[in-house]
Amino acid sequence: MSEKCLCCEHGSPVAGRRVCPLCDYVFQGNGWDGIDAHWRAKHEHIMPYRQFWDSLCEGHGGALSVAVDPELLEKHATLLKALLDRQENFLPRIKSQKHKKIENGYYFI
């Protein structure tokens, strides 16, 4: 049990369907699907949604305590930037080439 987890404080079950700790609404989707809309509509005046979400322990689906390898993170950031740069350079080139549109894409002449 986490001291700051709102679900732990209200005795919400860890297993099975997710249950709103404030009104006992049972979520029908996968895990917490729909919690953001539900929380903002019903409980935002009690606690901001971000604060609720950040309060959850691992057992209730909160953030996992995972150590991040800075070198791996940097490699992923570099790859993502390269992909975005390629996309930005690729789209104007497509538009400038002569082509005719076909059903599922472009056919270049």
Protein backbone atom coordinates (compact mmCIF):
# COMPACT_ATOMS: atom_id res chain seq x y z
CA MET A 1 0.00 0.00 0.00
CA SER A 2 1.36 3.38 -0.99
CA GLU A 3 0.86 6.29 1.42
CA LYS A 4 0.11 8.76 -1.36
CA CYS A 5 -1.90 6.51 -3.72
CA LEU A 6 -5.51 7.68 -3.66
CA CYS A 7 -6.72 4.22 -4.65
CA CYS A 8 -4.83 2.64 -1.74
CA GLU A 9 -6.21 5.25 0.65
CA HIS A 10 -9.77 4.39 -0.41
CA GLY A 11 -9.23 0.62 -0.51
CA SER A 12 -9.70 0.20 -4.26
CA PRO A 13 -8.85 -3.33 -5.44
CA VAL A 14 -5.56 -3.89 -7.27
CA ALA A 15 -6.83 -6.90 -9.26
CA GLY A 16 -9.80 -6.98 -11.61
CA ARG A 17 -11.54 -4.03 -13.20
CA ARG A 18 -10.37 -0.55 -12.23
CA VAL A 19 -12.68 1.31 -9.85
CA CYS A 20 -12.82 5.06 -9.26
CA PRO A 21 -11.64 5.60 -5.69
CA LEU A 22 -14.04 8.50 -5.10
CA CYS A 23 -17.37 7.29 -6.53
CA ASP A 24 -16.83 3.53 -7.07
CA TYR A 25 -17.55 3.79 -10.81
CA VAL A 26 -16.34 0.57 -12.44
CA PHE A 27 -14.45 1.12 -15.71
CA GLN A 28 -15.57 -1.29 -18.42
CA GLY A 29 -12.64 -0.93 -20.79
CA ASN A 30 -9.08 -2.11 -20.58
CA GLY A 31 -7.55 -0.89 -17.31
CA TRP A 32 -8.12 2.84 -16.77
CA ASP A 33 -9.66 3.49 -20.22
CA GLY A 34 -11.88 6.56 -19.85
CA ILE A 35 -10.50 7.72 -16.48
CA ASP A 36 -9.37 11.09 -17.81
CA ALA A 37 -12.82 12.11 -19.07
CA HIS A 38 -14.55 10.63 -16.00
CA TRP A 39 -12.18 12.32 -13.55
CA ARG A 40 -12.31 15.72 -15.24
CA ALA A 41 -16.13 15.63 -15.38
CA LYS A 42 -16.77 14.34 -11.86
CA HIS A 43 -13.80 14.98 -9.57
CA GLU A 44 -11.56 17.71 -10.99
CA HIS A 45 -12.86 20.12 -8.31
CA ILE A 46 -11.57 17.75 -5.59
CA MET A 47 -8.16 16.95 -7.07
CA PRO A 48 -6.66 17.80 -10.47
CA TYR A 49 -6.50 14.81 -12.82
CA ARG A 50 -2.70 15.01 -13.17
CA GLN A 51 -2.31 14.92 -9.39
CA PHE A 52 -4.59 11.87 -9.15
CA TRP A 53 -2.72 10.04 -11.92
CA ASP A 54 0.67 10.86 -10.42
CA SER A 55 -0.48 9.59 -7.02
CA LEU A 56 -1.14 6.03 -8.24
CA CYS A 57 1.16 3.29 -7.05
CA GLU A 58 2.46 0.57 -9.39
CA GLY A 59 -0.26 -1.84 -8.25
CA HIS A 60 -2.98 0.57 -9.31
CA GLY A 61 -1.38 1.27 -12.69
CA GLY A 62 0.77 4.27 -11.87
CA ALA A 63 4.16 5.03 -13.36
CA LEU A 64 6.62 2.18 -13.16
CA SER A 65 9.90 2.75 -11.41
CA VAL A 66 12.16 2.08 -14.36
CA ALA A 67 15.72 3.26 -14.55
CA VAL A 68 16.32 5.04 -17.86
CA ASP A 69 19.63 4.58 -19.60
CA PRO A 70 20.60 8.10 -20.73
CA GLU A 71 22.72 6.73 -23.59
CA LEU A 72 19.81 4.67 -24.94
CA LEU A 73 17.48 7.64 -24.55
CA GLU A 74 19.89 9.81 -26.53
CA LYS A 75 20.09 7.18 -29.31
CA HIS A 76 16.29 7.06 -29.56
CA ALA A 77 16.08 10.85 -29.66
CA THR A 78 18.68 10.96 -32.44
CA LEU A 79 16.83 8.32 -34.47
CA LEU A 80 13.50 10.10 -34.03
CA LYS A 81 14.99 13.41 -35.13
CA ALA A 82 16.52 11.74 -38.21
CA LEU A 83 13.15 10.20 -39.14
CA LEU A 84 11.34 13.51 -38.72
CA ASP A 85 13.99 15.31 -40.81
CA ARG A 86 13.62 12.71 -43.56
CA GLN A 87 9.85 13.13 -43.56
CA GLU A 88 10.10 16.93 -43.76
CA ASN A 89 12.50 16.66 -46.70
CA PHE A 90 10.52 13.92 -48.41
CA LEU A 91 7.07 15.57 -48.52
CA PRO A 92 8.07 18.69 -50.53
CA ARG A 93 9.94 16.45 -52.98
CA ILE A 94 6.80 14.37 -53.57
CA LYS A 95 4.72 17.48 -54.19
CA SER A 96 7.23 18.87 -56.69
CA GLN A 97 7.42 15.70 -58.81
CA LYS A 98 5.07 15.01 -61.68
CA HIS A 99 2.65 12.33 -60.67
CA LYS A 100 -0.86 11.18 -61.10
CA LYS A 101 -2.91 9.92 -58.24
CA ILE A 102 -4.03 6.31 -58.19
CA GLU A 103 -6.45 4.61 -55.82
CA ASN A 104 -4.07 3.72 -52.98
CA GLY A 105 -1.18 6.14 -53.39
CA TYR A 106 0.79 8.00 -56.04
CA TYR A 107 2.16 6.83 -59.31
CA PHE A 108 5.18 8.86 -60.39
CA ILE A 109 5.75 9.61 -64.09
